Amino acid sequence: MAHPRHDLDQALLTPVRLSLLAALPGEVELDFASLRDLLETGDSVLSKAISHLEKLDYVKVAKGAMGTRPRTWVRSTARGRRALERHVRALRAITEDHHR
């Protein structure tokens, strides 16, 4: 039987990308500024994390405006939610195996 670490998703090994996807359960859609504040990260780091996950179809990005100000909204995709679930299962399996 393979070690559960092989089920970890490489895209979710960075804390910001993992936190970003975890912050977007179900159909939740958050704007960029709210995500930045929630994750306590800088604009550049968050932007790179969103771009990375968008390329993998783990998140969808919508751009628009509120009044005259441009806004970016981010939501997870079904593929992203499945990837997060697998990743968390692997982390649990690793920690449970470690304590046996």
PDB file of N, CA and C in Angstrom:
ATOM      1  N   MET A   1       0.850  -1.188   0.000  1.00  0.00           N
ATOM      2  CA  MET A   1       0.000   0.000   0.000  1.00  0.00           C
ATOM      3  C   MET A   1       0.891   1.246   0.000  1.00  0.00           C
ATOM      4  N   ALA A   2       0.598   2.184  -0.871  1.00  0.00           N
ATOM      5  CA  ALA A   2       1.401   3.394  -1.011  1.00  0.00           C
ATOM      6  C   ALA A   2       1.211   4.316   0.189  1.00  0.00           C
ATOM      7  N   HIS A   3       2.254   5.030   0.511  1.00  0.00           N
ATOM      8  CA  HIS A   3       2.192   6.005   1.597  1.00  0.00           C
ATOM      9  C   HIS A   3       1.222   7.119   1.190  1.00  0.00           C
ATOM     10  N   PRO A   4       0.423   7.623   2.138  1.00  0.00           N
ATOM     11  CA  PRO A   4      -0.577   8.650   1.806  1.00  0.00           C
ATOM     12  C   PRO A   4       0.015   9.955   1.278  1.00  0.00           C
ATOM     13  N   ARG A   5       1.290  10.200   1.489  1.00  0.00           N
ATOM     14  CA  ARG A   5       1.886  11.450   0.983  1.00  0.00           C
ATOM     15  C   ARG A   5       1.796  11.533  -0.536  1.00  0.00           C
ATOM     16  N   HIS A   6       1.676  10.375  -1.184  1.00  0.00           N
ATOM     17  CA  HIS A   6       1.567  10.365  -2.640  1.00  0.00           C
ATOM     18  C   HIS A   6       0.232  10.936  -3.115  1.00  0.00           C
ATOM     19  N   ASP A   7      -0.724  11.072  -2.218  1.00  0.00           N
ATOM     20  CA  ASP A   7      -2.017  11.646  -2.563  1.00  0.00           C
ATOM     21  C   ASP A   7      -2.090  13.150  -2.302  1.00  0.00           C
ATOM     22  N   LEU A   8      -1.016  13.733  -1.778  1.00  0.00           N
ATOM     23  CA  LEU A   8      -0.995  15.183  -1.574  1.00  0.00           C
ATOM     24  C   LEU A   8      -0.994  15.874  -2.930  1.00  0.00           C
ATOM     25  N   ASP A   9      -1.713  16.972  -3.016  1.00  0.00           N
ATOM     26  CA  ASP A   9      -1.789  17.753  -4.243  1.00  0.00           C
ATOM     27  C   ASP A   9      -0.663  18.785  -4.229  1.00  0.00           C
ATOM     28  N   GLN A  10       0.223  18.712  -5.192  1.00  0.00           N
ATOM     29  CA  GLN A  10       1.374  19.618  -5.252  1.00  0.00           C
ATOM     30  C   GLN A  10       0.949  21.086  -5.261  1.00  0.00           C
ATOM     31  N   ALA A  11      -0.186  21.371  -5.857  1.00  0.00           N
ATOM     32  CA  ALA A  11      -0.657  22.761  -5.936  1.00  0.00           C
ATOM     33  C   ALA A  11      -1.073  23.300  -4.575  1.00  0.00           C
ATOM     34  N   LEU A  12      -1.353  22.409  -3.629  1.00  0.00           N
ATOM     35  CA  LEU A  12      -1.849  22.842  -2.321  1.00  0.00           C
ATOM     36  C   LEU A  12      -0.792  22.719  -1.226  1.00  0.00           C
ATOM     37  N   LEU A  13       0.451  22.529  -1.613  1.00  0.00           N
ATOM     38  CA  LEU A  13       1.512  22.396  -0.616  1.00  0.00           C
ATOM     39  C   LEU A  13       1.977  23.733  -0.050  1.00  0.00           C
ATOM     40  N   THR A  14       1.599  24.833  -0.690  1.00  0.00           N
ATOM     41  CA  THR A  14       1.950  26.134  -0.120  1.00  0.00           C
ATOM     42  C   THR A  14       0.805  26.581   0.789  1.00  0.00           C
ATOM     43  N   PRO A  15       1.132  27.157   1.923  1.00  0.00           N
ATOM     44  CA  PRO A  15       0.085  27.561   2.868  1.00  0.00           C
ATOM     45  C   PRO A  15      -0.941  28.532   2.286  1.00  0.00           C
ATOM     46  N   VAL A  16      -0.526  29.454   1.442  1.00  0.00           N
ATOM     47  CA  VAL A  16      -1.470  30.441   0.907  1.00  0.00           C
ATOM     48  C   VAL A  16      -2.448  29.782  -0.054  1.00  0.00           C
ATOM     49  N   ARG A  17      -1.966  28.913  -0.941  1.00  0.00           N
ATOM     50  CA  ARG A  17      -2.884  28.257  -1.883  1.00  0.00           C
ATOM     51  C   ARG A  17      -3.839  27.326  -1.144  1.00  0.00           C
ATOM     52  N   LEU A  18      -3.347  26.597  -0.164  1.00  0.00           N
ATOM     53  CA  LEU A  18      -4.212  25.732   0.635  1.00  0.00           C
ATOM     54  C   LEU A  18      -5.261  26.564   1.363  1.00  0.00           C
ATOM     55  N   SER A  19      -4.837  27.635   1.991  1.00  0.00           N
ATOM     56  CA  SER A  19      -5.753  28.511   2.728  1.00  0.00           C
ATOM     57  C   SER A  19      -6.771  29.157   1.796  1.00  0.00           C
ATOM     58  N   LEU A  20      -6.329  29.546   0.621  1.00  0.00           N
ATOM     59  CA  LEU A  20      -7.209  30.175  -0.359  1.00  0.00           C
ATOM     60  C   LEU A  20      -8.330  29.225  -0.761  1.00  0.00           C
ATOM     61  N   LEU A  21      -7.986  28.012  -1.123  1.00  0.00           N
ATOM     62  CA  LEU A  21      -9.009  27.064  -1.536  1.00  0.00           C
ATOM     63  C   LEU A  21      -9.919  26.698  -0.370  1.00  0.00           C
ATOM     64  N   ALA A  22      -9.367  26.577   0.818  1.00  0.00           N
ATOM     65  CA  ALA A  22     -10.178  26.253   1.996  1.00  0.00           C
ATOM     66  C   ALA A  22     -11.141  27.387   2.347  1.00  0.00           C
ATOM     67  N   ALA A  23     -10.805  28.608   1.976  1.00  0.00           N
ATOM     68  CA  ALA A  23     -11.651  29.768   2.278  1.00  0.00           C
ATOM     69  C   ALA A  23     -12.839  29.884   1.323  1.00  0.00           C
ATOM     70  N   LEU A  24     -12.900  29.001   0.318  1.00  0.00           N
ATOM     71  CA  LEU A  24     -13.940  29.094  -0.705  1.00  0.00           C
ATOM     72  C   LEU A  24     -14.760  27.803  -0.792  1.00  0.00           C
ATOM     73  N   PRO A  25     -15.436  27.421   0.295  1.00  0.00           N
ATOM     74  CA  PRO A  25     -16.234  26.195   0.243  1.00  0.00           C
ATOM     75  C   PRO A  25     -17.485  26.379  -0.609  1.00  0.00           C
ATOM     76  N   GLY A  26     -17.964  25.299  -1.171  1.00  0.00           N
ATOM     77  CA  GLY A  26     -19.226  25.330  -1.915  1.00  0.00           C
ATOM     78  C   GLY A  26     -19.272  26.423  -2.957  1.00  0.00           C
ATOM     79  N   GLU A  27     -20.327  27.168  -2.937  1.00  0.00           N
ATOM     80  CA  GLU A  27     -20.539  28.232  -3.920  1.00  0.00           C
ATOM     81  C   GLU A  27     -20.121  29.608  -3.389  1.00  0.00           C
ATOM     82  N   VAL A  28     -19.338  29.640  -2.331  1.00  0.00           N
ATOM     83  CA  VAL A  28     -18.890  30.912  -1.763  1.00  0.00           C
ATOM     84  C   VAL A  28     -18.000  31.638  -2.768  1.00  0.00           C
ATOM     85  N   GLU A  29     -18.275  32.907  -2.942  1.00  0.00           N
ATOM     86  CA  GLU A  29     -17.471  33.756  -3.823  1.00  0.00           C
ATOM     87  C   GLU A  29     -17.021  34.957  -2.995  1.00  0.00           C
ATOM     88  N   LEU A  30     -15.719  35.192  -2.979  1.00  0.00           N
ATOM     89  CA  LEU A  30     -15.182  36.321  -2.216  1.00  0.00           C
ATOM     90  C   LEU A  30     -14.426  37.253  -3.139  1.00  0.00           C
ATOM     91  N   ASP A  31     -14.446  38.523  -2.803  1.00  0.00           N
ATOM     92  CA  ASP A  31     -13.672  39.483  -3.580  1.00  0.00           C
ATOM     93  C   ASP A  31     -12.214  39.447  -3.119  1.00  0.00           C
ATOM     94  N   PHE A  32     -11.341  39.946  -3.968  1.00  0.00           N
ATOM     95  CA  PHE A  32      -9.902  39.905  -3.742  1.00  0.00           C
ATOM     96  C   PHE A  32      -9.522  40.513  -2.396  1.00  0.00           C
ATOM     97  N   ALA A  33     -10.046  41.686  -2.097  1.00  0.00           N
ATOM     98  CA  ALA A  33      -9.680  42.373  -0.848  1.00  0.00           C
ATOM     99  C   ALA A  33     -10.110  41.565   0.375  1.00  0.00           C
ATOM    100  N   SER A  34     -11.279  40.970   0.318  1.00  0.00           N
ATOM    101  CA  SER A  34     -11.742  40.139   1.445  1.00  0.00           C
ATOM    102  C   SER A  34     -10.849  38.925   1.628  1.00  0.00           C
ATOM    103  N   LEU A  35     -10.468  38.276   0.531  1.00  0.00           N
ATOM    104  CA  LEU A  35      -9.556  37.143   0.613  1.00  0.00           C
ATOM    105  C   LEU A  35      -8.206  37.558   1.177  1.00  0.00           C
ATOM    106  N   ARG A  36      -7.691  38.666   0.684  1.00  0.00           N
ATOM    107  CA  ARG A  36      -6.395  39.160   1.162  1.00  0.00           C
ATOM    108  C   ARG A  36      -6.430  39.380   2.663  1.00  0.00           C
ATOM    109  N   ASP A  37      -7.484  40.010   3.149  1.00  0.00           N
ATOM    110  CA  ASP A  37      -7.597  40.285   4.583  1.00  0.00           C
ATOM    111  C   ASP A  37      -7.812  39.006   5.386  1.00  0.00           C
ATOM    112  N   LEU A  38      -8.645  38.118   4.871  1.00  0.00           N
ATOM    113  CA  LEU A  38      -8.919  36.856   5.551  1.00  0.00           C
ATOM    114  C   LEU A  38      -7.656  36.010   5.675  1.00  0.00           C
ATOM    115  N   LEU A  39      -6.871  35.956   4.607  1.00  0.00           N
ATOM    116  CA  LEU A  39      -5.663  35.127   4.586  1.00  0.00           C
ATOM    117  C   LEU A  39      -4.436  35.840   5.143  1.00  0.00           C
ATOM    118  N   GLU A  40      -4.603  37.130   5.436  1.00  0.00           N
ATOM    119  CA  GLU A  40      -3.510  37.939   5.996  1.00  0.00           C
ATOM    120  C   GLU A  40      -2.247  37.841   5.138  1.00  0.00           C
ATOM    121  N   THR A  41      -2.434  38.165   3.858  1.00  0.00           N
ATOM    122  CA  THR A  41      -1.325  38.104   2.916  1.00  0.00           C
ATOM    123  C   THR A  41      -1.303  39.355   2.049  1.00  0.00           C
ATOM    124  N   GLY A  42      -0.252  39.523   1.311  1.00  0.00           N
ATOM    125  CA  GLY A  42      -0.126  40.680   0.439  1.00  0.00           C
ATOM    126  C   GLY A  42      -0.788  40.469  -0.906  1.00  0.00           C
ATOM    127  N   ASP A  43      -1.008  41.555  -1.620  1.00  0.00           N
ATOM    128  CA  ASP A  43      -1.660  41.501  -2.926  1.00  0.00           C
ATOM    129  C   ASP A  43      -0.907  40.603  -3.908  1.00  0.00           C
ATOM    130  N   SER A  44       0.401  40.763  -3.980  1.00  0.00           N
ATOM    131  CA  SER A  44       1.197  40.015  -4.943  1.00  0.00           C
ATOM    132  C   SER A  44       1.151  38.516  -4.672  1.00  0.00           C
ATOM    133  N   VAL A  45       1.305  38.126  -3.425  1.00  0.00           N
ATOM    134  CA  VAL A  45       1.282  36.711  -3.054  1.00  0.00           C
ATOM    135  C   VAL A  45      -0.083  36.112  -3.371  1.00  0.00           C
ATOM    136  N   LEU A  46      -1.139  36.830  -3.039  1.00  0.00           N
ATOM    137  CA  LEU A  46      -2.492  36.337  -3.304  1.00  0.00           C
ATOM    138  C   LEU A  46      -2.758  36.252  -4.797  1.00  0.00           C
ATOM    139  N   SER A  47      -2.344  37.245  -5.527  1.00  0.00           N
ATOM    140  CA  SER A  47      -2.541  37.255  -6.976  1.00  0.00           C
ATOM    141  C   SER A  47      -1.859  36.052  -7.624  1.00  0.00           C
ATOM    142  N   LYS A  48      -0.647  35.759  -7.207  1.00  0.00           N
ATOM    143  CA  LYS A  48       0.087  34.605  -7.749  1.00  0.00           C
ATOM    144  C   LYS A  48      -0.617  33.298  -7.385  1.00  0.00           C
ATOM    145  N   ALA A  49      -1.113  33.196  -6.161  1.00  0.00           N
ATOM    146  CA  ALA A  49      -1.809  31.983  -5.725  1.00  0.00           C
ATOM    147  C   ALA A  49      -3.088  31.786  -6.542  1.00  0.00           C
ATOM    148  N   ILE A  50      -3.841  32.856  -6.742  1.00  0.00           N
ATOM    149  CA  ILE A  50      -5.072  32.767  -7.527  1.00  0.00           C
ATOM    150  C   ILE A  50      -4.747  32.344  -8.959  1.00  0.00           C
ATOM    151  N   SER A  51      -3.744  32.953  -9.563  1.00  0.00           N
ATOM    152  CA  SER A  51      -3.366  32.616 -10.941  1.00  0.00           C
ATOM    153  C   SER A  51      -2.979  31.149 -11.069  1.00  0.00           C
ATOM    154  N   HIS A  52      -2.206  30.666 -10.103  1.00  0.00           N
ATOM    155  CA  HIS A  52      -1.773  29.267 -10.124  1.00  0.00           C
ATOM    156  C   HIS A  52      -2.974  28.329 -10.067  1.00  0.00           C
ATOM    157  N   LEU A  53      -3.877  28.591  -9.140  1.00  0.00           N
ATOM    158  CA  LEU A  53      -5.043  27.730  -8.982  1.00  0.00           C
ATOM    159  C   LEU A  53      -6.023  27.877 -10.144  1.00  0.00           C
ATOM    160  N   GLU A  54      -6.078  29.053 -10.728  1.00  0.00           N
ATOM    161  CA  GLU A  54      -6.956  29.257 -11.890  1.00  0.00           C
ATOM    162  C   GLU A  54      -6.466  28.431 -13.084  1.00  0.00           C
ATOM    163  N   LYS A  55      -5.165  28.360 -13.290  1.00  0.00           N
ATOM    164  CA  LYS A  55      -4.610  27.571 -14.389  1.00  0.00           C
ATOM    165  C   LYS A  55      -4.959  26.094 -14.256  1.00  0.00           C
ATOM    166  N   LEU A  56      -5.123  25.630 -13.027  1.00  0.00           N
ATOM    167  CA  LEU A  56      -5.473  24.228 -12.772  1.00  0.00           C
ATOM    168  C   LEU A  56      -6.984  24.000 -12.751  1.00  0.00           C
ATOM    169  N   ASP A  57      -7.741  25.062 -12.969  1.00  0.00           N
ATOM    170  CA  ASP A  57      -9.209  25.029 -12.888  1.00  0.00           C
ATOM    171  C   ASP A  57      -9.680  24.666 -11.475  1.00  0.00           C
ATOM    172  N   TYR A  58      -8.935  25.099 -10.465  1.00  0.00           N
ATOM    173  CA  TYR A  58      -9.336  24.912  -9.073  1.00  0.00           C
ATOM    174  C   TYR A  58     -10.173  26.091  -8.601  1.00  0.00           C
ATOM    175  N   VAL A  59      -9.999  27.263  -9.232  1.00  0.00           N
ATOM    176  CA  VAL A  59     -10.806  28.438  -8.925  1.00  0.00           C
ATOM    177  C   VAL A  59     -11.203  29.117 -10.228  1.00  0.00           C
ATOM    178  N   LYS A  60     -12.292  29.864 -10.157  1.00  0.00           N
ATOM    179  CA  LYS A  60     -12.744  30.703 -11.271  1.00  0.00           C
ATOM    180  C   LYS A  60     -12.655  32.148 -10.811  1.00  0.00           C
ATOM    181  N   VAL A  61     -12.245  33.012 -11.715  1.00  0.00           N
ATOM    182  CA  VAL A  61     -12.093  34.428 -11.421  1.00  0.00           C
ATOM    183  C   VAL A  61     -13.059  35.211 -12.288  1.00  0.00           C
ATOM    184  N   ALA A  62     -13.752  36.145 -11.660  1.00  0.00           N
ATOM    185  CA  ALA A  62     -14.652  37.040 -12.392  1.00  0.00           C
ATOM    186  C   ALA A  62     -14.221  38.474 -12.104  1.00  0.00           C
ATOM    187  N   LYS A  63     -14.105  39.254 -13.145  1.00  0.00           N
ATOM    188  CA  LYS A  63     -13.720  40.653 -12.984  1.00  0.00           C
ATOM    189  C   LYS A  63     -14.915  41.528 -13.328  1.00  0.00           C
ATOM    190  N   GLY A  64     -15.047  42.586 -12.576  1.00  0.00           N
ATOM    191  CA  GLY A  64     -16.151  43.505 -12.798  1.00  0.00           C
ATOM    192  C   GLY A  64     -15.875  44.798 -12.067  1.00  0.00           C
ATOM    193  N   ALA A  65     -16.925  45.497 -11.732  1.00  0.00           N
ATOM    194  CA  ALA A  65     -16.777  46.769 -11.039  1.00  0.00           C
ATOM    195  C   ALA A  65     -17.910  46.938 -10.044  1.00  0.00           C
ATOM    196  N   MET A  66     -17.586  47.628  -8.974  1.00  0.00           N
ATOM    197  CA  MET A  66     -18.596  48.086  -8.019  1.00  0.00           C
ATOM    198  C   MET A  66     -18.506  49.598  -8.064  1.00  0.00           C
ATOM    199  N   GLY A  67     -19.487  50.193  -8.659  1.00  0.00           N
ATOM    200  CA  GLY A  67     -19.398  51.632  -8.886  1.00  0.00           C
ATOM    201  C   GLY A  67     -18.315  51.884  -9.921  1.00  0.00           C
ATOM    202  N   THR A  68     -17.368  52.702  -9.581  1.00  0.00           N
ATOM    203  CA  THR A  68     -16.278  53.002 -10.513  1.00  0.00           C
ATOM    204  C   THR A  68     -15.017  52.204 -10.204  1.00  0.00           C
ATOM    205  N   ARG A  69     -15.058  51.399  -9.156  1.00  0.00           N
ATOM    206  CA  ARG A  69     -13.861  50.649  -8.745  1.00  0.00           C
ATOM    207  C   ARG A  69     -13.873  49.236  -9.323  1.00  0.00           C
ATOM    208  N   PRO A  70     -12.758  48.843  -9.948  1.00  0.00           N
ATOM    209  CA  PRO A  70     -12.677  47.468 -10.456  1.00  0.00           C
ATOM    210  C   PRO A  70     -12.620  46.472  -9.303  1.00  0.00           C
ATOM    211  N   ARG A  71     -13.218  45.321  -9.518  1.00  0.00           N
ATOM    212  CA  ARG A  71     -13.236  44.276  -8.491  1.00  0.00           C
ATOM    213  C   ARG A  71     -12.939  42.933  -9.140  1.00  0.00           C
ATOM    214  N   THR A  72     -12.340  42.049  -8.343  1.00  0.00           N
ATOM    215  CA  THR A  72     -12.078  40.673  -8.757  1.00  0.00           C
ATOM    216  C   THR A  72     -12.721  39.759  -7.732  1.00  0.00           C
ATOM    217  N   TRP A  73     -13.537  38.810  -8.211  1.00  0.00           N
ATOM    218  CA  TRP A  73     -14.174  37.831  -7.333  1.00  0.00           C
ATOM    219  C   TRP A  73     -13.615  36.456  -7.658  1.00  0.00           C
ATOM    220  N   VAL A  74     -13.486  35.648  -6.633  1.00  0.00           N
ATOM    221  CA  VAL A  74     -12.907  34.310  -6.795  1.00  0.00           C
ATOM    222  C   VAL A  74     -13.842  33.300  -6.138  1.00  0.00           C
ATOM    223  N   ARG A  75     -14.032  32.160  -6.800  1.00  0.00           N
ATOM    224  CA  ARG A  75     -14.794  31.052  -6.218  1.00  0.00           C
ATOM    225  C   ARG A  75     -14.103  29.758  -6.590  1.00  0.00           C
ATOM    226  N   SER A  76     -14.301  28.744  -5.783  1.00  0.00           N
ATOM    227  CA  SER A  76     -13.716  27.441  -6.087  1.00  0.00           C
ATOM    228  C   SER A  76     -14.563  26.724  -7.129  1.00  0.00           C
ATOM    229  N   THR A  77     -13.953  25.793  -7.825  1.00  0.00           N
ATOM    230  CA  THR A  77     -14.659  24.954  -8.777  1.00  0.00           C
ATOM    231  C   THR A  77     -14.871  23.578  -8.130  1.00  0.00           C
ATOM    232  N   ALA A  78     -15.701  22.773  -8.739  1.00  0.00           N
ATOM    233  CA  ALA A  78     -15.899  21.406  -8.235  1.00  0.00           C
ATOM    234  C   ALA A  78     -14.575  20.656  -8.246  1.00  0.00           C
ATOM    235  N   ARG A  79     -13.789  20.869  -9.280  1.00  0.00           N
ATOM    236  CA  ARG A  79     -12.467  20.220  -9.366  1.00  0.00           C
ATOM    237  C   ARG A  79     -11.571  20.657  -8.212  1.00  0.00           C
ATOM    238  N   GLY A  80     -11.584  21.936  -7.893  1.00  0.00           N
ATOM    239  CA  GLY A  80     -10.781  22.453  -6.790  1.00  0.00           C
ATOM    240  C   GLY A  80     -11.236  21.899  -5.445  1.00  0.00           C
ATOM    241  N   ARG A  81     -12.547  21.814  -5.264  1.00  0.00           N
ATOM    242  CA  ARG A  81     -13.072  21.269  -4.001  1.00  0.00           C
ATOM    243  C   ARG A  81     -12.713  19.794  -3.848  1.00  0.00           C
ATOM    244  N   ARG A  82     -12.763  19.048  -4.947  1.00  0.00           N
ATOM    245  CA  ARG A  82     -12.367  17.625  -4.886  1.00  0.00           C
ATOM    246  C   ARG A  82     -10.874  17.503  -4.568  1.00  0.00           C
ATOM    247  N   ALA A  83     -10.060  18.353  -5.178  1.00  0.00           N
ATOM    248  CA  ALA A  83      -8.613  18.327  -4.915  1.00  0.00           C
ATOM    249  C   ALA A  83      -8.330  18.632  -3.446  1.00  0.00           C
ATOM    250  N   LEU A  84      -9.040  19.605  -2.901  1.00  0.00           N
ATOM    251  CA  LEU A  84      -8.857  19.953  -1.493  1.00  0.00           C
ATOM    252  C   LEU A  84      -9.266  18.787  -0.599  1.00  0.00           C
ATOM    253  N   GLU A  85     -10.376  18.152  -0.910  1.00  0.00           N
ATOM    254  CA  GLU A  85     -10.834  17.007  -0.111  1.00  0.00           C
ATOM    255  C   GLU A  85      -9.801  15.882  -0.119  1.00  0.00           C
ATOM    256  N   ARG A  86      -9.251  15.565  -1.302  1.00  0.00           N
ATOM    257  CA  ARG A  86      -8.224  14.515  -1.396  1.00  0.00           C
ATOM    258  C   ARG A  86      -6.989  14.891  -0.600  1.00  0.00           C
ATOM    259  N   HIS A  87      -6.591  16.143  -0.713  1.00  0.00           N
ATOM    260  CA  HIS A  87      -5.396  16.635  -0.025  1.00  0.00           C
ATOM    261  C   HIS A  87      -5.573  16.529   1.493  1.00  0.00           C
ATOM    262  N   VAL A  88      -6.708  16.963   1.990  1.00  0.00           N
ATOM    263  CA  VAL A  88      -6.979  16.910   3.432  1.00  0.00           C
ATOM    264  C   VAL A  88      -7.054  15.458   3.907  1.00  0.00           C
ATOM    265  N   ARG A  89      -7.655  14.587   3.106  1.00  0.00           N
ATOM    266  CA  ARG A  89      -7.689  13.150   3.466  1.00  0.00           C
ATOM    267  C   ARG A  89      -6.279  12.596   3.583  1.00  0.00           C
ATOM    268  N   ALA A  90      -5.409  12.987   2.651  1.00  0.00           N
ATOM    269  CA  ALA A  90      -4.020  12.519   2.692  1.00  0.00           C
ATOM    270  C   ALA A  90      -3.309  13.048   3.938  1.00  0.00           C
ATOM    271  N   LEU A  91      -3.533  14.317   4.269  1.00  0.00           N
ATOM    272  CA  LEU A  91      -2.912  14.876   5.480  1.00  0.00           C
ATOM    273  C   LEU A  91      -3.384  14.133   6.720  1.00  0.00           C
ATOM    274  N   ARG A  92      -4.669  13.833   6.770  1.00  0.00           N
ATOM    275  CA  ARG A  92      -5.203  13.085   7.919  1.00  0.00           C
ATOM    276  C   ARG A  92      -4.600  11.691   7.993  1.00  0.00           C
ATOM    277  N   ALA A  93      -4.510  11.033   6.848  1.00  0.00           N
ATOM    278  CA  ALA A  93      -3.935   9.683   6.825  1.00  0.00           C
ATOM    279  C   ALA A  93      -2.479   9.706   7.272  1.00  0.00           C
ATOM    280  N   ILE A  94      -1.749  10.708   6.865  1.00  0.00           N
ATOM    281  CA  ILE A  94      -0.340  10.830   7.272  1.00  0.00           C
ATOM    282  C   ILE A  94      -0.242  11.002   8.779  1.00  0.00           C
ATOM    283  N   THR A  95      -1.051  11.884   9.335  1.00  0.00           N
ATOM    284  CA  THR A  95      -0.952  12.151  10.782  1.00  0.00           C
ATOM    285  C   THR A  95      -1.487  10.979  11.588  1.00  0.00           C
ATOM    286  N   GLU A  96      -2.508  10.295  11.087  1.00  0.00           N
ATOM    287  CA  GLU A  96      -3.029   9.133  11.803  1.00  0.00           C
ATOM    288  C   GLU A  96      -2.028   7.998  11.777  1.00  0.00           C
ATOM    289  N   ASP A  97      -1.367   7.769  10.640  1.00  0.00           N
ATOM    290  CA  ASP A  97      -0.348   6.727  10.544  1.00  0.00           C
ATOM    291  C   ASP A  97       0.818   7.026  11.468  1.00  0.00           C
ATOM    292  N   HIS A  98       1.136   8.283  11.595  1.00  0.00           N
ATOM    293  CA  HIS A  98       2.274   8.698  12.421  1.00  0.00           C
ATOM    294  C   HIS A  98       2.050   8.388  13.892  1.00  0.00           C
ATOM    295  N   HIS A  99       0.816   8.432  14.331  1.00  0.00           N
ATOM    296  CA  HIS A  99       0.510   8.248  15.749  1.00  0.00           C
ATOM    297  C   HIS A  99       0.235   6.793  16.133  1.00  0.00           C
ATOM    298  N   ARG A 100       0.336   5.892  15.195  1.00  0.00           N
ATOM    299  CA  ARG A 100       0.070   4.476  15.503  1.00  0.00           C
ATOM    300  C   ARG A 100       1.271   3.812  16.109  1.00  0.00           C
TER     301      ARG A 100
END
